[in-house]
Amino acid sequence: MKTETWKTAEVAFLATLMVIIGVFALSVWKVSAFNHVQHYETISGAELFSSENSQPQGVSVKIIPRSSTWTKLFDIRHEGLTEHNYRAYIYDFNVSNNTRDEVSNFSYKLTFDRDVFLLSAWNGAVEVHQKIAGGEIVEIIPDLREFVSGDYSLRTVTFDGETLIYMKAGESVVYIPSSSRNAMEVPIRPHEGTMPGFIMYTEIGKSIEGSSLELEYTFHKPLNREPLFWVAVSGLSVWFVALVIFVITSAQIKKYKERHERDNKIINESIETFTGFIDAKDSYTNGHSKRVAVYTRQIAAELGYEGEELDHIYYIALLHDCGKIGVPDKILGKPHRLNDEEYEIIKRHTICGSEILSSFKSLASAGEGALYHHERYDGNGYPNGTAGEDIPFIARIICVADAFDAMNTNRVYREKLTKESIMNEIEKNKGQQFDPEIADVMLRLLRENKIDMDIVNKYNQTI
């Protein structure tokens, strides 16, 4: 059967685990939400082509033009031009990941501010947007290096055996990176980059620095980059260590309790066996020691005692009459009232009991119950005439329990008293024979029917 401590611990551990799982779930949700966000940036021409050595943040794109000596004559309007008017440029698009997170994917859209002719691109696909007859043509070319004009409806021109895609001002291309093993443009690892490029012809003396670029990208943040994840991991580690410690400690406590209960059982059985010998000497009070011990424990529990302290009180009460072992049987078993000499002899059982228990060192105050349980609160008891608070507390409890059992059992010279008569006697003797506080506790237990009036039948009923 689980103790309250176990139940409380189970609830605490379960509640803590649920909180840790909640924190972990929150970290997973935060990372997932972050990774699904589409980030957008628009970069102006001046910024795109800036050669300043700045420290960019986030994901950045820089266009690095490499000029060449290739020139061509593009007489688009058939004006009869005779000199080359367009030059080829290689444009490297340096896409940099300046963050601690991986860029899982990206694309960028370059909108031209003037007419250009696209020749080639690497390594990914190119989505071409051209405006024709008030509409728009959109074609995706997987590899511009292998472009075949007949396969597409795009506007193209052919000069000197080369077919180029003719892009007018305001039209755009979208670069879609390749994740193939050869290209590996995505994902981009933290603080790394990739450099796709275009080859295009622009008018000699002109540039595309007025063009704009729209960058779109998503991140992939690993779960171990989320602080809440480590809070959950740390919490789970502490929780697991605490659980192991609790289980080990509980097992040790359980063994200790089992050993303690076994020892208590041995002690209890030993004491009960000993007191059984004593009670057997007095046929009129057989079972008296056990009953007084039960009543004493009930009173002490009502006063707030518990655990080992309550067990000790019970054992002391069991032994309160042990001194009777030194009283002659003819006096204990006398069927009539004792004379004065016999009464003095039987009164010595308190001192005898105290002397017997003086060597019982493992049960603190064992001798007090035996020595003082016949002392009266008003000082008229025996053997010393000790009064009031000077009488040990355990002896004052036993005094009430002992008197109650005497009134609740049959004697040769009278029948046992009724419950009402017993309560009247206890009430009348408050402050005289009995400690008033303890007497009130006993009266309350009797009023609330917490004292078993028939307990005498359970422990060797006499006469």
Protein backbone atom coordinates (compact mmCIF):
# COMPACT_ATOMS: atom_id res chain seq x y z
CA MET A 1 0.00 0.00 0.00
CA LYS A 2 1.41 3.37 -1.00
CA THR A 3 2.11 5.92 1.70
CA GLU A 4 1.07 9.56 1.49
CA THR A 5 4.72 10.46 0.89
CA TRP A 6 4.84 8.15 -2.12
CA LYS A 7 1.57 9.53 -3.48
CA THR A 8 2.75 13.12 -3.03
CA ALA A 9 6.10 12.31 -4.66
CA GLU A 10 4.39 10.57 -7.60
CA VAL A 11 2.17 13.60 -8.18
CA ALA A 12 5.17 15.94 -7.91
CA PHE A 13 7.30 13.87 -10.31
CA LEU A 14 4.43 13.49 -12.78
CA ALA A 15 3.62 17.22 -12.68
CA THR A 16 7.29 18.11 -13.14
CA LEU A 17 7.60 15.67 -16.06
CA MET A 18 4.51 17.18 -17.70
CA VAL A 19 6.05 20.66 -17.37
CA ILE A 20 9.32 19.41 -18.91
CA ILE A 21 7.41 17.75 -21.77
CA GLY A 22 5.49 21.01 -22.23
CA VAL A 23 8.73 23.00 -22.43
CA PHE A 24 10.14 20.48 -24.92
CA ALA A 25 6.96 20.64 -27.04
CA LEU A 26 7.13 24.44 -26.95
CA SER A 27 10.75 24.34 -28.14
CA VAL A 28 9.79 22.01 -31.01
CA TRP A 29 6.89 24.30 -31.94
CA LYS A 30 9.08 27.41 -31.85
CA VAL A 31 11.75 25.81 -34.07
CA SER A 32 9.13 24.49 -36.50
CA ALA A 33 7.42 27.87 -36.69
CA PHE A 34 10.76 29.61 -37.25
CA ASN A 35 11.74 27.17 -40.00
CA HIS A 36 8.45 27.71 -41.84
CA VAL A 37 8.75 31.48 -41.98
CA GLN A 38 9.44 32.85 -45.48
CA HIS A 39 11.88 35.75 -45.29
CA TYR A 40 11.79 38.48 -47.94
CA GLU A 41 14.27 41.24 -48.70
CA THR A 42 14.50 43.77 -51.53
CA ILE A 43 17.99 45.00 -52.33
CA SER A 44 18.55 48.11 -54.42
CA GLY A 45 21.07 48.32 -57.21
CA ALA A 46 23.53 50.52 -55.35
CA GLU A 47 23.58 48.14 -52.43
CA LEU A 48 23.77 45.12 -54.72
CA PHE A 49 26.91 46.32 -56.43
CA SER A 50 28.57 47.95 -53.41
CA SER A 51 32.21 46.98 -53.01
CA GLU A 52 32.49 48.27 -49.43
CA ASN A 53 33.82 45.75 -46.94
CA SER A 54 30.82 45.82 -44.64
CA GLN A 55 29.70 43.23 -42.11
CA PRO A 56 26.28 42.19 -43.47
CA GLN A 57 23.64 40.68 -41.23
CA GLY A 58 21.22 37.87 -42.01
CA VAL A 59 21.34 36.59 -45.59
CA SER A 60 22.92 38.96 -48.12
CA VAL A 61 23.49 39.07 -51.87
CA LYS A 62 26.28 40.96 -53.62
CA ILE A 63 26.62 41.11 -57.42
CA ILE A 64 30.22 41.08 -58.54
CA PRO A 65 30.60 41.91 -62.27
CA ARG A 66 33.55 40.55 -64.21
CA SER A 67 33.98 42.42 -67.49
CA SER A 68 35.31 40.81 -70.65
CA THR A 69 36.52 41.78 -74.10
CA TRP A 70 33.61 40.00 -75.78
CA THR A 71 31.57 42.42 -77.76
CA LYS A 72 28.79 41.98 -80.27
CA LEU A 73 26.74 44.03 -82.62
CA PHE A 74 23.05 43.87 -81.71
CA ASP A 75 21.09 45.83 -84.35
CA ILE A 76 17.72 45.13 -82.76
CA ARG A 77 15.92 47.95 -84.52
CA HIS A 78 17.64 47.37 -87.86
CA GLU A 79 19.23 50.81 -87.85
CA GLY A 80 22.14 49.72 -89.99
CA LEU A 81 24.68 49.76 -87.12
CA THR A 82 28.21 48.73 -88.06
CA GLU A 83 30.10 48.78 -84.77
CA HIS A 84 29.78 46.47 -81.79
CA ASN A 85 27.47 48.02 -79.23
CA TYR A 86 27.10 45.33 -76.49
CA ARG A 87 29.69 43.81 -74.17
CA ALA A 88 29.48 40.47 -72.32
CA TYR A 89 29.70 40.45 -68.53
CA ILE A 90 29.96 37.61 -66.07
CA TYR A 91 27.94 38.47 -62.98
CA ASP A 92 28.67 36.45 -59.84
CA PHE A 93 25.83 36.52 -57.33
CA ASN A 94 27.49 36.02 -53.94
CA VAL A 95 24.74 34.69 -51.63
CA SER A 96 26.08 34.71 -48.03
CA ASN A 97 24.58 33.18 -44.93
CA ASN A 98 25.78 35.43 -42.10
CA THR A 99 23.78 33.66 -39.39
CA ARG A 100 24.20 30.72 -37.02
CA ASP A 101 21.33 28.89 -38.72
CA GLU A 102 21.33 26.92 -41.92
CA VAL A 103 19.60 28.44 -44.97
CA SER A 104 17.42 25.58 -46.14
CA ASN A 105 16.40 27.20 -49.42
CA PHE A 106 16.51 30.49 -51.27
CA SER A 107 15.67 32.11 -54.59
CA TYR A 108 16.08 35.61 -55.94
CA LYS A 109 14.33 37.63 -58.57
CA LEU A 110 16.39 40.12 -60.58
CA THR A 111 14.37 42.85 -62.31
CA PHE A 112 16.33 44.65 -65.03
CA ASP A 113 16.43 48.41 -65.38
CA ARG A 114 17.53 48.19 -69.05
CA ASP A 115 17.65 45.80 -72.00
CA VAL A 116 20.02 42.82 -71.64
CA PHE A 117 20.69 39.57 -73.48
CA LEU A 118 21.03 36.39 -71.39
CA LEU A 119 23.58 33.91 -72.61
CA SER A 120 24.15 31.46 -69.78
CA ALA A 121 23.72 30.79 -66.09
CA TRP A 122 24.92 28.24 -63.53
CA ASN A 123 24.20 26.02 -61.54
CA GLY A 124 20.48 26.10 -60.93
CA ALA A 125 17.32 26.70 -62.94
CA VAL A 126 16.16 30.06 -64.30
CA GLU A 127 12.55 31.21 -64.38
CA VAL A 128 12.17 33.85 -67.11
CA HIS A 129 9.39 36.46 -66.99
CA GLN A 130 8.77 38.39 -70.23
CA LYS A 131 5.99 40.84 -71.05
CA ILE A 132 4.44 40.21 -74.43
CA ALA A 133 1.26 41.72 -75.92
CA GLY A 134 -0.02 43.03 -72.59
CA GLY A 135 0.52 39.70 -70.87
CA GLU A 136 3.39 37.75 -69.40
CA ILE A 137 5.24 34.66 -70.47
CA VAL A 138 6.84 32.58 -67.74
CA GLU A 139 9.19 29.74 -68.62
CA ILE A 140 11.43 27.68 -66.39
CA ILE A 141 14.72 26.65 -67.95
CA PRO A 142 16.42 23.88 -65.95
CA ASP A 143 19.87 24.71 -67.35
CA LEU A 144 20.41 27.88 -69.36
CA ARG A 145 23.64 26.47 -70.73
CA GLU A 146 21.59 23.94 -72.64
CA PHE A 147 18.89 26.39 -73.76
CA VAL A 148 17.16 25.49 -77.07
CA SER A 149 14.96 28.36 -78.23
CA GLY A 150 12.59 26.07 -80.10
CA ASP A 151 11.54 24.42 -76.86
CA TYR A 152 10.25 27.66 -75.37
CA SER A 153 8.00 30.57 -76.36
CA LEU A 154 10.42 33.19 -75.10
CA ARG A 155 11.65 36.24 -76.98
CA THR A 156 15.13 35.45 -78.31
CA VAL A 157 17.69 36.79 -80.78
CA THR A 158 20.44 35.03 -82.65
CA PHE A 159 23.74 36.70 -83.51
CA ASP A 160 26.88 35.07 -84.78
CA GLY A 161 25.40 31.64 -84.22
CA GLU A 162 24.51 32.28 -80.54
CA THR A 163 20.91 32.35 -79.37
CA LEU A 164 20.28 34.73 -76.49
CA ILE A 165 17.20 35.54 -74.46
CA TYR A 166 16.24 39.13 -75.01
CA MET A 167 15.16 40.77 -71.71
CA LYS A 168 13.70 44.25 -71.82
CA ALA A 169 13.73 46.82 -69.02
CA GLY A 170 11.16 45.89 -66.34
CA GLU A 171 11.36 42.17 -67.07
CA SER A 172 12.90 39.72 -64.65
CA VAL A 173 14.54 36.37 -64.05
CA VAL A 174 14.20 34.20 -60.96
CA TYR A 175 17.17 32.08 -59.99
CA ILE A 176 16.29 28.71 -58.40
CA PRO A 177 19.38 27.10 -56.78
CA SER A 178 20.40 23.51 -57.31
CA SER A 179 20.71 20.96 -54.50
CA SER A 180 22.43 18.39 -56.71
CA ARG A 181 25.59 16.75 -55.46
CA ASN A 182 27.73 18.66 -57.96
CA ALA A 183 26.26 22.09 -57.26
CA MET A 184 25.18 21.87 -53.59
CA GLU A 185 23.93 25.47 -53.57
CA VAL A 186 21.41 24.60 -50.89
CA PRO A 187 21.38 24.24 -48.02
CA ILE A 188 23.86 26.97 -47.07
CA ARG A 189 25.58 26.22 -43.82
CA PRO A 190 26.10 28.92 -41.17
CA HIS A 191 28.62 31.60 -42.14
CA GLU A 192 29.11 30.08 -45.57
CA GLY A 193 27.83 31.02 -49.02
CA THR A 194 27.32 30.05 -52.61
CA MET A 195 28.00 31.91 -55.88
CA PRO A 196 25.70 31.22 -58.83
CA GLY A 197 26.28 33.39 -61.86
CA PHE A 198 24.95 34.78 -65.17
CA ILE A 199 26.59 35.69 -68.42
CA MET A 200 24.74 38.52 -70.16
CA TYR A 201 25.36 41.27 -72.66
CA THR A 202 24.71 44.90 -71.77
CA GLU A 203 25.12 48.02 -73.84
CA ILE A 204 28.71 49.25 -73.91
CA GLY A 205 29.18 52.04 -71.37
CA LYS A 206 26.03 51.03 -69.52
CA SER A 207 25.49 48.76 -66.51
CA ILE A 208 22.62 47.04 -64.72
CA GLU A 209 23.37 48.75 -61.41
CA GLY A 210 19.91 50.28 -61.41
CA SER A 211 18.32 46.82 -61.29
CA SER A 212 16.70 45.49 -58.11
CA LEU A 213 16.80 42.09 -56.49
CA GLU A 214 14.12 40.44 -54.38
CA LEU A 215 15.52 37.71 -52.13
CA GLU A 216 13.36 34.98 -50.60
CA TYR A 217 14.73 32.39 -48.19
CA THR A 218 13.94 30.06 -45.29
CA PHE A 219 16.07 28.92 -42.39
CA HIS A 220 16.57 25.51 -40.89
CA LYS A 221 17.33 25.94 -37.20
CA PRO A 222 18.26 22.64 -35.53
CA LEU A 223 16.42 21.85 -32.33
CA ASN A 224 19.62 22.07 -30.29
CA ARG A 225 19.88 25.77 -31.19
CA GLU A 226 16.70 26.55 -29.30
CA PRO A 227 17.36 27.62 -25.65
CA LEU A 228 14.08 26.09 -24.46
CA PHE A 229 15.26 22.72 -25.76
CA TRP A 230 18.25 22.83 -23.43
CA VAL A 231 16.01 23.99 -20.60
CA ALA A 232 13.92 20.86 -21.21
CA VAL A 233 17.01 18.62 -21.50
CA SER A 234 18.51 20.08 -18.31
CA GLY A 235 15.17 19.76 -16.54
CA LEU A 236 14.80 16.15 -17.67
CA SER A 237 18.34 15.35 -16.52
CA VAL A 238 17.68 16.85 -13.09
CA TRP A 239 14.29 15.10 -12.98
CA PHE A 240 15.85 11.74 -13.82
CA VAL A 241 18.63 12.16 -11.23
CA ALA A 242 16.06 13.20 -8.63
CA LEU A 243 13.92 10.18 -9.53
CA VAL A 244 16.86 7.80 -9.16
CA ILE A 245 17.80 9.38 -5.82
CA PHE A 246 14.18 9.22 -4.68
CA VAL A 247 13.80 5.57 -5.68
CA ILE A 248 17.07 4.58 -4.00
CA THR A 249 16.26 6.62 -0.89
CA SER A 250 12.72 5.26 -0.77
CA ALA A 251 14.02 1.70 -1.08
CA GLN A 252 16.42 2.34 1.79
CA ILE A 253 13.68 3.96 3.86
CA LYS A 254 11.38 1.04 3.08
CA LYS A 255 14.04 -1.43 4.24
CA TYR A 256 14.61 0.66 7.34
CA LYS A 257 10.86 0.79 8.06
CA GLU A 258 10.50 -2.94 7.49
CA ARG A 259 13.43 -3.60 9.82
CA HIS A 260 12.06 -1.07 12.31
CA GLU A 261 8.60 -2.65 12.17
CA ARG A 262 10.15 -6.10 12.60
CA ASP A 263 12.18 -4.88 15.57
CA ASN A 264 9.10 -3.18 17.02
CA LYS A 265 7.15 -6.37 16.58
CA ILE A 266 9.84 -8.33 18.40
CA ILE A 267 9.97 -5.72 21.16
CA ASN A 268 6.18 -5.61 21.39
CA GLU A 269 5.85 -9.38 21.50
CA SER A 270 8.65 -9.64 24.07
CA ILE A 271 7.10 -6.99 26.30
CA GLU A 272 3.61 -8.46 25.91
CA THR A 273 4.97 -11.90 26.78
CA PHE A 274 6.64 -10.46 29.88
CA THR A 275 3.55 -8.51 30.93
CA GLY A 276 1.48 -11.63 30.25
CA PHE A 277 3.48 -13.41 32.93
CA ILE A 278 2.78 -10.53 35.29
CA ASP A 279 -0.94 -10.36 34.53
CA ALA A 280 -1.18 -14.15 34.88
CA LYS A 281 -0.09 -13.77 38.53
CA ASP A 282 -3.20 -11.67 39.18
CA SER A 283 -6.32 -13.50 38.03
CA TYR A 284 -8.43 -10.43 38.77
CA THR A 285 -6.58 -8.14 36.39
CA ASN A 286 -5.54 -10.50 33.61
CA GLY A 287 -5.11 -8.49 30.35
CA HIS A 288 -4.95 -5.24 32.31
CA SER A 289 -1.49 -4.16 31.05
CA LYS A 290 -2.46 -4.54 27.38
CA ARG A 291 -5.71 -2.64 27.83
CA VAL A 292 -4.04 0.22 29.71
CA ALA A 293 -1.41 0.42 26.94
CA VAL A 294 -4.14 0.66 24.28
CA TYR A 295 -6.00 3.43 26.19
CA THR A 296 -2.74 5.29 26.84
CA ARG A 297 -1.84 5.23 23.15
CA GLN A 298 -5.31 6.56 22.22
CA ILE A 299 -5.00 9.45 24.67
CA ALA A 300 -1.45 10.25 23.52
CA ALA A 301 -2.50 10.19 19.85
CA GLU A 302 -5.33 12.61 20.65
CA LEU A 303 -2.72 14.86 22.28
CA GLY A 304 -0.70 14.93 19.05
CA TYR A 305 1.90 12.22 19.56
CA GLU A 306 2.73 10.00 16.57
CA GLY A 307 5.29 7.64 15.03
CA GLU A 308 8.05 6.21 17.18
CA GLU A 309 7.17 8.47 20.10
CA LEU A 310 3.68 6.98 20.18
CA ASP A 311 5.15 3.46 20.03
CA HIS A 312 7.42 4.25 22.99
CA ILE A 313 4.46 5.54 25.01
CA TYR A 314 2.62 2.30 24.26
CA TYR A 315 5.56 0.16 25.43
CA ILE A 316 6.02 2.19 28.63
CA ALA A 317 2.32 1.73 29.41
CA LEU A 318 2.60 -2.01 28.74
CA LEU A 319 5.32 -2.21 31.39
CA HIS A 320 3.71 0.03 34.00
CA ASP A 321 2.78 -2.89 36.31
CA CYS A 322 5.93 -4.96 35.78
CA GLY A 323 6.81 -4.47 39.46
CA LYS A 324 3.95 -6.82 40.42
CA ILE A 325 6.28 -9.66 39.55
CA GLY A 326 7.83 -9.05 42.99
CA VAL A 327 4.50 -9.11 44.86
CA PRO A 328 3.59 -12.44 46.48
CA ASP A 329 0.89 -14.39 44.67
CA LYS A 330 -1.21 -14.72 47.81
CA ILE A 331 -1.57 -10.93 47.96
CA LEU A 332 -2.23 -10.47 44.22
CA GLY A 333 -4.72 -13.31 44.20
CA LYS A 334 -6.46 -12.47 47.48
CA PRO A 335 -10.23 -12.54 46.84
CA HIS A 336 -10.98 -9.98 49.56
CA ARG A 337 -9.88 -6.44 50.33
CA LEU A 338 -6.24 -6.08 51.39
CA ASN A 339 -5.29 -5.15 54.95
CA ASP A 340 -2.96 -2.22 55.60
CA GLU A 341 0.20 -4.34 55.64
CA GLU A 342 -0.74 -6.07 52.39
CA TYR A 343 -1.62 -2.76 50.81
CA GLU A 344 1.82 -1.35 51.71
CA ILE A 345 3.45 -4.41 50.12
CA ILE A 346 1.48 -4.05 46.90
CA LYS A 347 2.24 -0.32 46.76
CA ARG A 348 5.90 -1.25 46.49
CA HIS A 349 5.30 -2.65 43.00
CA THR A 350 5.83 0.87 41.64
CA ILE A 351 9.34 1.07 43.09
CA CYS A 352 10.11 -2.51 42.12
CA GLY A 353 8.99 -1.82 38.56
CA SER A 354 11.17 1.28 38.36
CA GLU A 355 14.18 -0.72 39.53
CA ILE A 356 13.51 -3.52 37.04
CA LEU A 357 13.23 -1.04 34.15
CA SER A 358 16.26 1.03 35.15
CA SER A 359 18.42 -1.15 32.91
CA PHE A 360 16.05 -0.77 29.93
CA LYS A 361 18.20 1.95 28.31
CA SER A 362 16.78 1.63 24.78
CA LEU A 363 13.30 2.70 25.97
CA ALA A 364 13.65 6.23 27.32
CA SER A 365 11.66 6.99 30.51
CA ALA A 366 10.53 3.36 30.77
CA GLY A 367 10.78 3.47 34.56
CA GLU A 368 8.71 6.65 34.91
CA GLY A 369 5.48 4.92 33.98
CA ALA A 370 6.09 2.19 36.52
CA LEU A 371 7.19 4.51 39.35
CA TYR A 372 4.69 7.36 39.05
CA HIS A 373 1.46 5.90 37.62
CA HIS A 374 -0.17 5.78 41.09
CA GLU A 375 0.79 9.36 41.97
CA ARG A 376 -2.16 11.76 42.18
CA TYR A 377 -2.35 15.21 40.70
CA ASP A 378 -3.17 16.62 44.16
CA GLY A 379 -0.09 14.96 45.73
CA ASN A 380 -1.93 12.31 47.72
CA GLY A 381 -0.69 9.34 45.68
CA TYR A 382 2.20 6.93 46.16
CA PRO A 383 5.05 6.10 46.43
CA ASN A 384 6.45 9.66 46.79
CA GLY A 385 3.42 11.95 46.94
CA THR A 386 4.57 13.82 43.83
CA ALA A 387 2.01 16.36 42.63
CA GLY A 388 0.90 18.29 39.52
CA GLU A 389 3.37 18.97 36.74
CA ASP A 390 6.16 17.28 38.69
CA ILE A 391 4.60 13.94 37.80
CA PRO A 392 6.05 12.82 34.41
CA PHE A 393 3.55 13.38 31.60
CA ILE A 394 3.54 9.72 30.52
CA ALA A 395 2.68 8.68 34.11
CA ARG A 396 -0.22 11.16 34.20
CA ILE A 397 -1.64 9.60 31.02
CA ILE A 398 -1.21 6.06 32.39
CA CYS A 399 -2.91 7.15 35.61
CA VAL A 400 -6.12 8.06 33.73
CA ALA A 401 -5.96 4.95 31.50
CA ASP A 402 -5.26 2.69 34.52
CA ALA A 403 -8.17 4.13 36.52
CA PHE A 404 -10.51 3.84 33.53
CA ASP A 405 -9.64 0.14 33.07
CA ALA A 406 -10.16 -0.49 36.79
CA MET A 407 -13.62 1.09 36.62
CA ASN A 408 -14.46 -0.71 33.35
CA THR A 409 -13.68 -4.25 34.65
CA ASN A 410 -15.34 -6.46 37.17
CA ARG A 411 -13.84 -6.80 40.65
CA VAL A 412 -14.59 -9.37 43.32
CA TYR A 413 -16.05 -6.64 45.49
CA ARG A 414 -18.07 -4.87 42.70
CA GLU A 415 -19.34 -5.02 39.14
CA LYS A 416 -17.78 -2.79 36.48
CA LEU A 417 -19.23 0.73 36.30
CA THR A 418 -21.42 2.07 33.54
CA LYS A 419 -20.04 4.49 31.00
CA GLU A 420 -21.94 7.38 32.58
CA SER A 421 -20.64 6.51 36.05
CA ILE A 422 -17.07 6.27 34.76
CA MET A 423 -17.37 9.68 33.08
CA ASN A 424 -18.79 11.16 36.32
CA GLU A 425 -15.88 9.73 38.32
CA ILE A 426 -13.30 11.12 35.89
CA GLU A 427 -15.02 14.52 35.89
CA LYS A 428 -15.21 14.53 39.72
CA ASN A 429 -11.52 13.64 40.10
CA LYS A 430 -10.13 16.22 37.65
CA GLY A 431 -7.42 18.18 39.46
CA GLN A 432 -7.44 15.65 42.32
CA GLN A 433 -6.44 12.22 41.05
CA PHE A 434 -6.15 13.20 37.39
CA ASP A 435 -4.40 15.86 35.33
CA PRO A 436 -7.34 18.05 34.15
CA GLU A 437 -6.08 18.29 30.55
CA ILE A 438 -5.65 14.52 30.19
CA ALA A 439 -8.96 13.86 31.94
CA ASP A 440 -10.72 16.16 29.45
CA VAL A 441 -9.13 14.27 26.55
CA MET A 442 -10.38 10.96 27.98
CA LEU A 443 -13.87 12.37 28.49
CA ARG A 444 -13.92 13.64 24.90
CA LEU A 445 -12.89 10.23 23.57
CA LEU A 446 -15.66 8.60 25.61
CA ARG A 447 -18.27 11.12 24.46
CA GLU A 448 -17.28 10.56 20.83
CA ASN A 449 -17.37 6.75 21.35
CA LYS A 450 -13.71 6.44 20.32
CA ILE A 451 -12.93 4.29 23.36
CA ASP A 452 -14.00 0.67 23.01
CA MET A 453 -15.85 -0.11 26.26
CA ASP A 454 -15.81 -3.83 25.40
CA ILE A 455 -12.07 -4.04 24.82
CA VAL A 456 -11.86 -6.05 28.03
CA ASN A 457 -13.40 -8.93 26.08
CA LYS A 458 -10.57 -8.84 23.56
CA TYR A 459 -7.65 -9.01 25.95
CA ASN A 460 -8.13 -11.95 28.33
CA GLN A 461 -11.43 -10.98 29.97
CA THR A 462 -11.44 -11.80 33.68
CA ILE A 463 -14.04 -12.91 36.18
